[in-house]
Every structure is written in structure tokens, then in C-alpha cells.
C-alpha atoms as a PDB file:
ATOM      1  CA  MET A   1       0.000   0.000   0.000  1.00  0.00           C
ATOM      2  CA  THR A   2       1.089   3.539  -0.642  1.00  0.00           C
ATOM      3  CA  GLN A   3       1.376   6.128   2.104  1.00  0.00           C
ATOM      4  CA  TYR A   4      -0.204   9.533   1.536  1.00  0.00           C
ATOM      5  CA  LEU A   5       0.148  12.845   3.304  1.00  0.00           C
ATOM      6  CA  ILE A   6      -3.131  14.657   3.846  1.00  0.00           C
ATOM      7  CA  SER A   7      -2.198  18.164   4.964  1.00  0.00           C
ATOM      8  CA  VAL A   8      -4.631  20.633   6.523  1.00  0.00           C
ATOM      9  CA  TRP A   9      -4.311  24.288   5.508  1.00  0.00           C
ATOM     10  CA  HIS A  10      -5.312  27.423   7.404  1.00  0.00           C
ATOM     11  CA  ASP A  11      -5.590  30.822   5.832  1.00  0.00           C
ATOM     12  CA  ASP A  12      -4.078  33.012   8.543  1.00  0.00           C
ATOM     13  CA  GLU A  13      -2.406  33.172  11.942  1.00  0.00           C
ATOM     14  CA  SER A  14      -5.673  33.998  13.744  1.00  0.00           C
ATOM     15  CA  THR A  15      -6.843  30.415  13.195  1.00  0.00           C
ATOM     16  CA  TYR A  16      -4.405  29.375  15.927  1.00  0.00           C
ATOM     17  CA  GLU A  17      -5.764  31.931  18.382  1.00  0.00           C
ATOM     18  CA  MET A  18      -9.300  30.533  18.480  1.00  0.00           C
ATOM     19  CA  ASP A  19     -10.989  30.081  21.840  1.00  0.00           C
ATOM     20  CA  VAL A  20     -10.808  26.327  22.451  1.00  0.00           C
ATOM     21  CA  LYS A  21     -13.910  26.566  24.657  1.00  0.00           C
ATOM     22  CA  SER A  22     -16.083  28.088  21.936  1.00  0.00           C
ATOM     23  CA  PRO A  23     -18.866  25.878  20.536  1.00  0.00           C
ATOM     24  CA  ASP A  24     -17.431  26.182  16.996  1.00  0.00           C
ATOM     25  CA  VAL A  25     -13.977  24.965  18.041  1.00  0.00           C
ATOM     26  CA  GLN A  26     -15.470  22.176  20.156  1.00  0.00           C
ATOM     27  CA  ARG A  27     -17.539  21.079  17.128  1.00  0.00           C
ATOM     28  CA  LEU A  28     -14.383  20.940  14.982  1.00  0.00           C
ATOM     29  CA  PHE A  29     -12.507  18.962  17.648  1.00  0.00           C
ATOM     30  CA  THR A  30     -15.384  16.470  17.840  1.00  0.00           C
ATOM     31  CA  GLN A  31     -15.519  16.092  14.050  1.00  0.00           C
ATOM     32  CA  VAL A  32     -11.754  15.605  13.735  1.00  0.00           C
ATOM     33  CA  ASP A  33     -11.714  13.096  16.601  1.00  0.00           C
ATOM     34  CA  ALA A  34     -14.472  11.112  14.863  1.00  0.00           C
ATOM     35  CA  PHE A  35     -12.504  11.183  11.586  1.00  0.00           C
ATOM     36  CA  ASN A  36      -9.324  10.065  13.393  1.00  0.00           C
ATOM     37  CA  ASN A  37     -11.215   7.163  14.973  1.00  0.00           C
ATOM     38  CA  GLU A  38     -12.646   6.134  11.605  1.00  0.00           C
ATOM     39  CA  VAL A  39      -9.217   6.148   9.909  1.00  0.00           C
ATOM     40  CA  GLN A  40      -7.736   4.158  12.791  1.00  0.00           C
ATOM     41  CA  SER A  41     -10.591   1.635  12.813  1.00  0.00           C
ATOM     42  CA  ALA A  42     -10.173   1.092   9.069  1.00  0.00           C
ATOM     43  CA  GLY A  43      -6.466   0.324   9.518  1.00  0.00           C
ATOM     44  CA  ALA A  44      -5.428   3.243   7.276  1.00  0.00           C
ATOM     45  CA  TRP A  45      -3.886   5.332  10.086  1.00  0.00           C
ATOM     46  CA  VAL A  46      -0.114   5.769  10.176  1.00  0.00           C
ATOM     47  CA  PHE A  47       0.282   9.050  12.045  1.00  0.00           C
ATOM     48  CA  GLY A  48      -1.352  12.440  12.414  1.00  0.00           C
ATOM     49  CA  GLY A  49      -1.174  15.625  14.394  1.00  0.00           C
ATOM     50  CA  GLY A  50      -1.932  19.298  14.621  1.00  0.00           C
ATOM     51  CA  LEU A  51       0.746  21.968  14.461  1.00  0.00           C
ATOM     52  CA  THR A  52       1.294  25.116  16.476  1.00  0.00           C
ATOM     53  CA  ALA A  53       1.118  28.540  14.814  1.00  0.00           C
ATOM     54  CA  PRO A  54       3.512  29.238  11.917  1.00  0.00           C
ATOM     55  CA  SER A  55       5.105  32.006  13.995  1.00  0.00           C
ATOM     56  CA  SER A  56       6.520  29.291  16.292  1.00  0.00           C
ATOM     57  CA  ALA A  57       8.540  27.757  13.441  1.00  0.00           C
ATOM     58  CA  THR A  58      12.303  27.870  13.121  1.00  0.00           C
ATOM     59  CA  VAL A  59      13.853  27.498   9.679  1.00  0.00           C
ATOM     60  CA  VAL A  60      17.216  25.710   9.559  1.00  0.00           C
ATOM     61  CA  ARG A  61      19.216  26.223   6.357  1.00  0.00           C
ATOM     62  CA  SER A  62      22.410  24.587   5.190  1.00  0.00           C
ATOM     63  CA  THR A  63      24.404  26.388   2.500  1.00  0.00           C
ATOM     64  CA  GLN A  64      27.812  25.085   1.495  1.00  0.00           C
ATOM     65  CA  GLY A  65      28.390  23.570   4.923  1.00  0.00           C
ATOM     66  CA  ASP A  66      27.182  26.602   6.901  1.00  0.00           C
ATOM     67  CA  VAL A  67      24.010  26.161   8.943  1.00  0.00           C
ATOM     68  CA  SER A  68      21.842  29.127   9.909  1.00  0.00           C
ATOM     69  CA  MET A  69      18.564  29.445  11.785  1.00  0.00           C
ATOM     70  CA  THR A  70      15.833  32.052  11.458  1.00  0.00           C
ATOM     71  CA  ASP A  71      12.488  32.545  13.158  1.00  0.00           C
ATOM     72  CA  GLY A  72       9.184  32.178  11.396  1.00  0.00           C
ATOM     73  CA  PRO A  73       7.759  29.924   8.748  1.00  0.00           C
ATOM     74  CA  TYR A  74       9.815  28.945   5.731  1.00  0.00           C
ATOM     75  CA  ALA A  75       7.183  30.062   3.253  1.00  0.00           C
ATOM     76  CA  GLU A  76       5.985  33.648   3.357  1.00  0.00           C
ATOM     77  CA  SER A  77       2.390  32.877   2.565  1.00  0.00           C
ATOM     78  CA  LYS A  78      -1.104  33.745   3.706  1.00  0.00           C
ATOM     79  CA  GLU A  79      -1.840  30.007   3.950  1.00  0.00           C
ATOM     80  CA  GLN A  80       0.158  27.652   6.167  1.00  0.00           C
ATOM     81  CA  MET A  81      -0.059  23.968   7.045  1.00  0.00           C
ATOM     82  CA  GLY A  82      -1.902  23.520  10.330  1.00  0.00           C
ATOM     83  CA  GLY A  83      -1.865  19.753  10.706  1.00  0.00           C
ATOM     84  CA  PHE A  84      -1.649  16.495   8.825  1.00  0.00           C
ATOM     85  CA  TRP A  85      -2.413  12.831   8.596  1.00  0.00           C
ATOM     86  CA  ILE A  86      -0.279  10.114   7.089  1.00  0.00           C
ATOM     87  CA  ILE A  87      -2.441   7.271   5.867  1.00  0.00           C
ATOM     88  CA  GLU A  88      -2.016   4.060   3.917  1.00  0.00           C
ATOM     89  CA  ALA A  89      -4.336   3.499   0.991  1.00  0.00           C
ATOM     90  CA  PRO A  90      -4.364   1.075  -1.941  1.00  0.00           C
ATOM     91  CA  ASP A  91      -4.512   3.920  -4.494  1.00  0.00           C
ATOM     92  CA  LEU A  92      -5.058   7.640  -4.997  1.00  0.00           C
ATOM     93  CA  ASP A  93      -8.832   7.237  -5.295  1.00  0.00           C
ATOM     94  CA  ALA A  94      -8.984   5.663  -1.835  1.00  0.00           C
ATOM     95  CA  ALA A  95      -6.718   8.393  -0.419  1.00  0.00           C
ATOM     96  CA  LEU A  96      -8.990  11.031  -1.932  1.00  0.00           C
ATOM     97  CA  GLN A  97     -11.994   9.442  -0.242  1.00  0.00           C
ATOM     98  CA  TRP A  98     -10.230   9.855   3.102  1.00  0.00           C
ATOM     99  CA  ALA A  99      -9.262  13.417   2.158  1.00  0.00           C
ATOM    100  CA  ARG A 100     -12.892  14.288   1.456  1.00  0.00           C
ATOM    101  CA  LYS A 101     -13.836  13.129   4.947  1.00  0.00           C
ATOM    102  CA  GLY A 102     -10.862  14.944   6.490  1.00  0.00           C
ATOM    103  CA  ALA A 103     -11.760  18.199   4.724  1.00  0.00           C
ATOM    104  CA  ALA A 104     -15.341  17.876   5.941  1.00  0.00           C
ATOM    105  CA  ALA A 105     -14.161  17.233   9.514  1.00  0.00           C
ATOM    106  CA  CYS A 106     -11.827  20.256   9.449  1.00  0.00           C
ATOM    107  CA  GLU A 107     -14.256  22.385   7.479  1.00  0.00           C
ATOM    108  CA  GLY A 108     -11.379  23.554   5.308  1.00  0.00           C
ATOM    109  CA  PRO A 109      -9.007  22.593   2.527  1.00  0.00           C
ATOM    110  CA  VAL A 110      -6.664  19.632   2.623  1.00  0.00           C
ATOM    111  CA  GLU A 111      -3.979  18.581   0.161  1.00  0.00           C
ATOM    112  CA  VAL A 112      -3.213  14.954  -0.733  1.00  0.00           C
ATOM    113  CA  ARG A 113       0.271  13.860  -1.818  1.00  0.00           C
ATOM    114  CA  PRO A 114       1.722  10.374  -2.129  1.00  0.00           C
ATOM    115  CA  PHE A 115       5.099   9.608  -0.645  1.00  0.00           C
ATOM    116  CA  LEU A 116       7.861   8.697  -3.072  1.00  0.00           C
ATOM    117  CA  GLY A 117       8.179   4.992  -3.740  1.00  0.00           C
ATOM    118  CA  GLU A 118      11.226   3.150  -2.497  1.00  0.00           C
END
């Protein structure tokens, strides 16, 4: 089976500052937990997790043997990855079925990419 990355995208930094006690955030948590349980029960789960805000990132670069570090996300973009799942699926169509359910659970866009073969 092929492994696929399903990445969750947020459109700005304020997404990470949501009130976790609000009914909307609690609804999203419940939906994502249900999706996680479904993926695990189906045996497609490899790993998944949410990420902290892009502002917490550190970029480590290596150029001709010199390593430098800078604060902030690597990509200067309005949209940043907020979480991900790694799943196993027999083919892209099956991975896309999981992605549809993940996007519905998150109420936002997800991207699906297969890992390189060995």
C-alpha cells in the first residue's frame, strides 16, 4: 500500500488563536476526533497531528556547509499547514476518499500527496 500525506491548511495566523472553549472549536474537535477514529478503525492510520502557529517555526538552512537558523515559517504565505495525517491506501482514489472526509471534519481545505516509492 502507498502512504499519503493529507495536509490541513489554514488561511491566517488567527486560526491558531481561536478560543478552544467556543462551541465552533469544540464542534471541529469532535468532528476531527471522529474522523481520526474512523481512519484508525479502518487500519489506514499511520500518524497524524496538529501543528502550532507558523510564527513558532524555526527554519534551519544549510548552504555550502554553513548552517543558519531564522524565526518564522519557511514560506511567506497567507496560507500555512496547520496539521496532517499520514495514511495508507491502496490507491489515490482511496486516499482522496479519506481526504474528502478529512476536509469535511476540518471544514477547510486539505492537500493529498503520495510519498515517493522506495
